[in-house]
Protein backbone atom coordinates (compact mmCIF):
# COMPACT_ATOMS: atom_id res chain seq x y z
CA MET A 1 -0.66 -15.85 -19.27
CA ARG A 2 -2.85 -13.05 -20.15
CA THR A 3 -6.11 -15.25 -20.75
CA ARG A 4 -8.31 -16.52 -17.90
CA LEU A 5 -8.04 -20.14 -17.60
CA THR A 6 -11.03 -22.52 -16.83
CA TRP A 7 -11.59 -22.69 -13.13
CA ALA A 8 -12.93 -25.39 -11.18
CA LEU A 9 -14.18 -25.51 -7.54
CA ALA A 10 -11.24 -25.39 -5.39
CA SER A 11 -10.99 -28.06 -2.76
CA ALA A 12 -9.72 -27.20 0.86
CA SER A 13 -5.76 -27.41 0.79
CA ALA A 14 -2.88 -26.69 2.97
CA LEU A 15 -1.90 -23.39 4.42
CA ALA A 16 1.72 -24.24 4.87
CA LEU A 17 4.84 -22.50 3.29
CA ALA A 18 6.95 -25.28 2.79
CA LEU A 19 10.46 -23.70 2.23
CA SER A 20 13.28 -25.70 0.45
CA ALA A 21 16.34 -24.36 -0.64
CA CYS A 22 16.64 -24.24 -4.44
CA GLY A 23 20.07 -22.18 -4.77
CA GLY A 24 20.60 -18.94 -6.28
CA GLY A 25 18.20 -17.00 -3.71
CA GLU A 26 15.41 -19.05 -4.67
CA SER A 27 12.72 -20.92 -2.26
CA SER A 28 9.48 -22.42 -2.78
CA ALA A 29 6.27 -21.15 -0.83
CA GLY A 30 3.41 -23.52 -1.84
CA GLY A 31 2.01 -26.75 -2.23
CA GLY A 32 2.41 -29.46 0.15
CA THR A 33 0.01 -30.60 2.73
CA SER A 34 -0.79 -29.68 6.29
CA SER A 35 -3.41 -30.76 8.97
CA GLN A 36 -4.66 -26.97 8.87
CA PRO A 37 -6.82 -26.54 5.83
CA VAL A 38 -7.49 -23.10 4.52
CA ALA A 39 -10.89 -22.23 3.06
CA THR A 40 -10.62 -21.86 -0.69
CA VAL A 41 -12.82 -20.04 -3.05
CA SER A 42 -14.87 -20.87 -6.25
CA HIS A 43 -14.51 -19.08 -9.65
CA ALA A 44 -17.85 -17.22 -8.83
CA GLU A 45 -16.52 -15.85 -5.53
CA LEU A 46 -13.22 -14.89 -7.28
CA ASP A 47 -15.08 -12.85 -9.61
CA GLN A 48 -17.00 -11.31 -6.57
CA ARG A 49 -13.96 -10.59 -4.96
CA LEU A 50 -12.32 -9.12 -7.93
CA ALA A 51 -15.41 -6.68 -8.51
CA GLU A 52 -14.90 -5.51 -4.80
CA ASP A 53 -10.95 -5.15 -5.35
CA TYR A 54 -11.65 -3.14 -8.65
CA ARG A 55 -14.01 -0.81 -6.47
CA GLY A 56 -11.29 -0.38 -3.94
CA THR A 57 -11.29 0.53 -0.23
CA PHE A 58 -11.23 4.08 -0.25
CA LYS A 59 -13.58 6.27 2.13
CA GLU A 60 -14.45 9.87 2.29
CA LEU A 61 -11.83 12.41 3.24
CA PRO A 62 -12.13 14.05 6.84
CA ALA A 63 -15.01 16.14 6.47
CA SER A 64 -13.70 18.78 9.21
CA GLY A 65 -10.61 19.85 11.15
CA PRO A 66 -8.86 22.46 12.75
CA LYS A 67 -7.75 25.62 10.73
CA ALA A 68 -4.13 26.08 9.65
CA VAL A 69 -1.90 26.58 12.68
CA PRO A 70 0.60 29.01 11.76
CA GLY A 71 4.24 29.35 11.73
CA LYS A 72 5.38 25.78 11.81
CA SER A 73 8.25 24.18 10.13
CA VAL A 74 8.66 20.44 8.81
CA ALA A 75 11.46 18.14 7.91
CA ILE A 76 10.37 15.33 5.57
CA ILE A 77 12.58 12.32 5.03
CA PRO A 78 11.46 9.58 2.62
CA ILE A 79 13.23 6.36 2.51
CA THR A 80 14.52 7.30 -0.94
CA GLN A 81 14.00 9.99 -3.40
CA LEU A 82 15.03 7.42 -6.32
CA SER A 83 11.62 5.98 -5.91
CA PRO A 84 9.04 7.82 -8.00
CA THR A 85 6.32 6.86 -5.33
CA PHE A 86 8.25 8.79 -2.42
CA ALA A 87 9.36 11.29 -4.59
CA ALA A 88 5.59 12.13 -5.33
CA PHE A 89 5.01 11.87 -1.83
CA THR A 90 7.78 14.32 -0.91
CA LYS A 91 6.65 16.92 -3.66
CA GLU A 92 2.93 16.75 -2.40
CA ALA A 93 3.88 16.88 1.26
CA LYS A 94 6.04 20.22 0.68
CA ALA A 95 3.04 21.71 -1.40
CA ALA A 96 0.65 20.86 1.41
CA ALA A 97 3.02 22.33 4.17
CA GLU A 98 3.35 25.33 2.12
CA ALA A 99 -0.48 25.66 1.88
CA LEU A 100 -0.66 25.85 5.60
CA GLY A 101 2.02 28.55 5.49
CA TRP A 102 4.49 26.32 7.04
CA THR A 103 8.34 26.03 6.04
CA ALA A 104 9.42 22.79 4.69
CA PHE A 105 12.40 20.91 3.48
CA ALA A 106 13.35 17.31 2.45
CA ILE A 107 16.26 15.24 3.32
CA ASP A 108 16.77 11.87 1.39
CA GLY A 109 17.13 8.80 3.69
CA LYS A 110 19.19 7.32 0.82
CA LEU A 111 17.91 3.76 1.19
CA SER A 112 20.10 2.89 4.04
CA THR A 113 20.07 2.58 8.10
CA GLN A 114 22.87 5.08 8.03
CA GLY A 115 21.26 7.30 5.59
CA TYR A 116 17.97 7.48 7.98
CA ASN A 117 19.68 8.41 10.95
CA SER A 118 21.79 10.80 9.29
CA ALA A 119 18.89 12.55 7.71
CA ILE A 120 17.06 12.54 11.15
CA ARG A 121 20.02 14.09 12.98
CA GLN A 122 20.37 16.87 9.98
CA ALA A 123 16.76 17.45 10.16
CA ILE A 124 17.21 18.07 14.31
CA SER A 125 19.86 20.57 13.81
CA GLN A 126 17.49 22.66 11.98
CA HIS A 127 15.03 22.73 14.67
CA PRO A 128 11.80 21.98 12.78
CA ASP A 129 8.55 21.64 14.74
CA ALA A 130 7.95 18.18 13.18
CA ILE A 131 9.79 15.22 11.14
CA VAL A 132 7.57 13.35 8.72
CA ILE A 133 9.46 9.92 7.87
CA SER A 134 8.06 7.85 5.05
CA GLY A 135 8.70 4.34 4.23
CA ILE A 136 11.20 3.77 7.18
CA ASN A 137 10.51 1.42 10.16
CA CYS A 138 11.30 2.56 13.84
CA ASP A 139 13.57 0.09 15.27
CA PRO A 140 16.83 1.21 13.12
CA VAL A 141 16.08 4.79 13.94
CA ARG A 142 14.68 4.73 17.34
CA GLN A 143 17.75 6.56 18.97
CA ALA A 144 17.61 9.19 16.41
CA VAL A 145 13.91 9.62 16.73
CA LEU A 146 14.14 9.64 20.71
CA GLU A 147 16.64 12.48 20.21
CA ALA A 148 14.05 14.36 18.07
CA LYS A 149 11.42 13.91 20.58
CA LYS A 150 13.70 15.35 23.32
CA ALA A 151 14.18 18.31 21.32
CA GLY A 152 10.62 18.97 21.28
CA ILE A 153 10.10 17.95 17.78
CA LYS A 154 7.05 15.92 16.78
CA VAL A 155 7.46 12.93 14.60
CA TYR A 156 5.13 11.33 12.26
CA SER A 157 5.27 8.29 10.22
CA VAL A 158 3.82 7.21 6.87
CA TYR A 159 4.41 3.40 5.75
CA GLY A 160 6.43 2.55 8.56
CA ASP A 161 6.27 0.13 11.55
CA ASP A 162 6.42 1.78 15.18
CA CYS A 163 8.89 0.39 17.69
CA ASP A 164 7.58 -2.20 20.33
CA GLU A 165 7.58 0.71 22.80
CA PRO A 166 5.86 3.20 20.42
CA VAL A 167 7.78 6.28 19.55
CA TRP A 168 5.91 8.10 16.84
CA ASP A 169 3.46 10.76 17.51
CA GLY A 170 1.12 9.57 14.79
CA MET A 171 1.13 7.36 11.71
CA GLN A 172 -0.70 6.75 8.72
CA PRO A 173 -2.11 3.45 8.12
CA VAL A 174 -1.64 1.81 4.79
CA ASP A 175 -4.11 -1.00 3.56
CA LEU A 176 -1.68 -3.76 3.45
CA GLU A 177 -4.15 -6.55 3.85
CA GLY A 178 -6.32 -5.09 1.24
CA ALA A 179 -3.45 -4.79 -1.44
CA ALA A 180 -2.35 -8.42 -0.67
CA ARG A 181 -6.04 -9.67 -1.44
CA MET A 182 -6.08 -7.78 -4.49
CA ARG A 183 -2.72 -8.88 -5.75
CA ALA A 184 -3.68 -12.75 -5.00
CA ASP A 185 -7.01 -12.40 -6.53
CA TRP A 186 -5.61 -10.92 -9.89
CA VAL A 187 -2.65 -13.42 -10.27
CA ALA A 188 -5.18 -16.11 -9.72
CA SER A 189 -7.47 -14.91 -12.21
CA LYS A 190 -4.80 -14.71 -14.64
CA VAL A 191 -3.04 -18.15 -13.65
CA GLY A 192 -6.14 -20.51 -12.94
CA PRO A 193 -6.31 -22.86 -10.21
CA SER A 194 -2.71 -24.00 -10.48
CA GLY A 195 0.50 -22.56 -11.67
CA LYS A 196 3.95 -21.29 -11.03
CA VAL A 197 4.28 -17.89 -9.70
CA ILE A 198 7.57 -16.20 -9.11
CA GLU A 199 7.67 -13.72 -6.05
CA SER A 200 10.41 -11.06 -6.25
CA TYR A 201 10.84 -11.56 -2.26
CA ILE A 202 12.31 -8.82 0.07
CA THR A 203 13.97 -10.48 3.04
CA ASP A 204 14.76 -7.65 5.19
CA ASP A 205 12.18 -5.03 5.88
CA PRO A 206 9.40 -5.97 8.40
CA VAL A 207 6.41 -4.28 6.62
CA LEU A 208 7.24 -5.89 3.17
CA LEU A 209 7.78 -9.40 5.01
CA ARG A 210 4.29 -8.96 6.35
CA PHE A 211 2.74 -7.93 3.17
CA GLN A 212 4.32 -10.97 1.32
CA ALA A 213 3.16 -13.21 3.81
CA ALA A 214 -0.34 -11.91 3.54
CA THR A 215 -0.01 -12.06 -0.41
CA GLU A 216 0.86 -15.66 0.01
CA ARG A 217 -2.00 -16.48 2.39
CA GLU A 218 -4.66 -14.76 -0.01
CA LEU A 219 -3.09 -16.51 -3.05
CA LYS A 220 -3.41 -20.15 -1.19
CA LYS A 221 -7.24 -19.26 -1.02
CA VAL A 222 -7.76 -18.51 -4.66
CA CYS A 223 -5.09 -20.55 -6.39
CA PRO A 224 -4.73 -23.56 -4.01
CA ASP A 225 -2.44 -25.58 -6.38
CA CYS A 226 -0.34 -22.43 -7.28
CA GLU A 227 3.44 -23.04 -6.47
CA VAL A 228 4.94 -19.87 -5.32
CA VAL A 229 8.74 -19.56 -6.02
CA ARG A 230 10.58 -16.85 -3.98
CA VAL A 231 13.59 -15.17 -5.70
CA GLU A 232 15.13 -13.55 -2.54
CA TRP A 233 17.01 -10.23 -2.34
CA ALA A 234 17.46 -7.60 0.53
CA LEU A 235 16.73 -3.74 0.00
CA GLY A 236 20.31 -2.93 -0.28
CA ASP A 237 20.53 -5.21 -3.68
CA LEU A 238 17.92 -2.53 -5.34
CA GLY A 239 19.66 -2.14 -8.77
CA GLU A 240 22.20 -4.57 -10.57
CA ALA A 241 22.53 -7.01 -7.65
CA MET A 242 18.67 -7.36 -7.50
CA LYS A 243 18.49 -7.43 -11.43
CA GLY A 244 20.90 -10.31 -11.49
CA LYS A 245 18.96 -12.55 -8.86
CA ILE A 246 15.80 -11.75 -10.82
CA ALA A 247 17.54 -12.75 -14.31
CA THR A 248 18.61 -16.23 -12.51
CA GLY A 249 15.15 -16.87 -11.01
CA LEU A 250 13.51 -16.29 -14.38
CA LEU A 251 15.98 -18.55 -16.08
CA ARG A 252 15.41 -21.25 -13.63
CA ASN A 253 11.75 -21.16 -13.98
CA PRO A 254 10.78 -21.27 -17.74
CA ASP A 255 7.43 -22.72 -16.75
CA ALA A 256 6.33 -19.69 -14.75
CA LYS A 257 2.81 -17.88 -15.41
CA ALA A 258 2.92 -14.87 -13.09
CA PHE A 259 5.59 -12.57 -11.50
CA ILE A 260 4.77 -10.69 -8.34
CA ALA A 261 7.11 -7.81 -7.55
CA PRO A 262 7.10 -6.16 -3.86
CA PHE A 263 7.02 -2.62 -5.09
CA ASP A 264 6.98 -0.56 -8.62
CA ALA A 265 10.58 0.85 -8.07
CA SER A 266 11.90 -2.89 -8.35
CA ILE A 267 10.44 -3.24 -11.70
CA LEU A 268 11.91 0.07 -12.82
CA PHE A 269 15.13 -0.70 -11.53
CA GLY A 270 15.73 -3.93 -13.54
CA SER A 271 13.27 -6.46 -13.12
CA GLY A 272 10.86 -5.20 -15.71
CA ALA A 273 13.73 -5.25 -18.26
CA ASP A 274 14.77 -9.06 -17.07
CA ILE A 275 11.15 -10.02 -17.68
CA GLN A 276 10.92 -8.61 -20.99
CA GLY A 277 14.20 -9.94 -22.04
CA SER A 278 13.25 -13.59 -20.93
CA GLY A 279 10.71 -14.18 -23.45
CA LEU A 280 8.37 -15.49 -21.04
CA ASP A 281 4.69 -14.86 -21.29
CA LEU A 282 3.95 -13.78 -17.70
CA ALA A 283 1.20 -12.03 -15.90
CA VAL A 284 3.26 -9.27 -13.93
CA MET A 285 1.91 -7.67 -10.86
CA GLY A 286 3.64 -4.68 -9.65
CA GLY A 287 3.38 -2.43 -6.48
CA GLU A 288 1.79 0.62 -5.57
CA CYS A 289 1.14 2.27 -8.95
CA SER A 290 3.70 4.80 -9.33
CA ALA A 291 3.40 7.30 -12.60
CA PRO A 292 6.05 5.56 -14.57
CA ASN A 293 4.77 2.03 -13.77
CA LEU A 294 1.27 3.22 -15.01
CA VAL A 295 2.98 3.89 -18.33
CA LEU A 296 4.07 0.27 -18.34
CA ILE A 297 0.76 -1.09 -17.87
CA ARG A 298 -0.77 1.36 -20.37
CA ASP A 299 1.95 0.21 -22.93
CA GLY A 300 1.35 -3.40 -22.18
CA ALA A 301 5.17 -3.73 -21.57
CA GLN A 302 6.97 -5.19 -18.47
CA GLN A 303 3.89 -4.78 -16.14
CA ASP A 304 0.27 -5.60 -16.11
CA ALA A 305 -1.22 -4.41 -13.06
CA CYS A 306 -0.72 -3.01 -9.44
CA THR A 307 -2.43 -2.15 -6.38
CA GLY A 308 -2.71 1.85 -5.88
CA TYR A 309 -1.79 3.68 -2.99
CA PRO A 310 -2.28 7.52 -3.27
CA PHE A 311 1.00 8.58 -2.16
CA SER A 312 0.23 12.01 -3.27
CA VAL A 313 -2.82 12.17 -1.03
CA PHE A 314 -0.72 10.76 1.60
CA GLY A 315 1.49 13.86 1.37
CA TRP A 316 -1.32 16.06 2.44
CA SER A 317 -3.03 13.67 4.73
CA SER A 318 0.24 13.52 6.91
CA MET A 319 0.27 17.43 7.32
CA ASP A 320 -3.28 17.43 8.11
CA ALA A 321 -2.42 15.11 10.80
CA LEU A 322 0.55 17.31 11.85
CA ASN A 323 -1.95 20.24 11.81
CA ARG A 324 -4.26 18.22 14.14
CA ILE A 325 -1.44 17.61 16.52
CA PHE A 326 -0.17 21.06 16.69
CA ALA A 327 -3.97 22.33 17.15
CA ASN A 328 -3.97 19.59 20.19
CA GLU A 329 -6.36 17.04 18.54
CA LYS A 330 -5.75 13.61 17.45
CA PRO A 331 -5.14 12.54 13.60
CA VAL A 332 -8.22 10.99 12.33
CA ASP A 333 -8.94 8.34 9.43
CA ALA A 334 -7.96 9.91 6.14
CA GLY A 335 -10.05 7.46 4.22
CA LEU A 336 -7.11 6.34 2.24
CA GLY A 337 -7.42 2.89 0.84
CA VAL A 338 -6.20 0.82 -1.95
CA GLN A 339 -7.54 -0.15 -5.54
CA LEU A 340 -6.79 -2.81 -8.05
CA ILE A 341 -5.28 -1.36 -11.20
CA ASP A 342 -4.87 -3.06 -14.67
CA LYS A 343 -5.24 -1.94 -18.58
CA ASP A 344 -8.92 -2.36 -18.48
CA HIS A 345 -9.83 -1.07 -14.97
CA ASN A 346 -9.12 2.39 -13.04
CA LEU A 347 -5.98 3.54 -15.15
CA PRO A 348 -5.87 7.20 -14.62
CA PRO A 349 -5.65 9.33 -17.84
CA ALA A 350 -1.90 9.35 -19.22
CA GLY A 351 0.30 11.64 -17.36
CA GLN A 352 -1.57 11.32 -14.22
CA ASP A 353 -0.58 10.13 -10.99
CA PHE A 354 -3.00 7.48 -9.34
CA LEU A 355 -5.31 9.26 -6.81
CA GLY A 356 -8.12 6.83 -6.55
CA PRO A 357 -11.52 8.80 -6.20
CA LEU A 358 -9.76 11.55 -4.55
CA ALA A 359 -8.66 13.93 -7.36
CA ASP A 360 -9.89 17.15 -5.48
CA PHE A 361 -8.02 16.08 -2.58
CA ARG A 362 -5.75 19.45 -2.63
CA GLU A 363 -8.86 21.94 -2.52
CA HIS A 364 -10.61 19.76 -0.20
CA TYR A 365 -7.83 20.10 2.31
CA ARG A 366 -7.22 23.83 1.63
CA THR A 367 -11.01 24.62 2.28
CA MET A 368 -10.50 22.68 5.68
CA TRP A 369 -7.76 24.31 6.70
CA GLY A 370 -9.34 27.86 5.55
CA VAL A 371 -6.56 28.83 3.40
């Protein structure tokens, strides 16, 4: 559904995730009643929220910091290099390390617990001064991380939960709550005060579980009568297994008006083709705005919107954080937020990554580091 439907002032309604098995990996998260009402918003309030979403939550990059600490080496371990998002992060993190005069190398985490731990231990064997982990949560790799720290190696995390007893030496915060709100606002603006929304739902990642729960809470505020149908899959399904589950979910829900993906690679790895082949007229909300997905949005095929994280900038901010740690200073707020993007708002020029308002970030960091 590409056009905005007429809205009425939404009344207070339930905040309940009424889960009922529908077979084929589907469950419902919406509708029903509860004794705990949730405040909802009007059409005018939604317009105001959308205006804020399109402005985004970015702040200024750090104004000052220590000069480059020389002679360091860094291992960069992304969750998977198959993701354009994490490939962009790895590329820019290496470029930032080299700008600091450091040695940098990357080891692919290969989207598995075994791969993450193997990569960390392989990095330890090469004796870097630091390891940067991207998209990997602490619990599955805790022992390997403790081995790195015992060897005197700093460990910094981007987009990954720490353990209950913290082990990271620092971490880059990501505005998940802001992105969840933006996803919900945009979907509500396309669906109206009611309608069925298919949610491509990850079942086994703590960060994504929180993100999905936040998206559902926000959607309940702005689309109180929406029905959310979860099509469930695990990270290890990414590819043909996921594609089959999404195809089944689309087939079983021909009355759906919108589709929400957990991250952009899931669209590239099959759900986008499923959507295009289904014949359904869906408003499709993607993930973090990777470069290939921006092409889809520009072309009006398979995806209509995303919530942009500047993962290229994360590469440089993570190296800045390490530089501060090496200089015996604490990392600072890097000012990196999130911004709502669709074909009519904030779409970067063709061929360019999403950077938000931070297009000059490379020169900014080089100047700050004195390199």
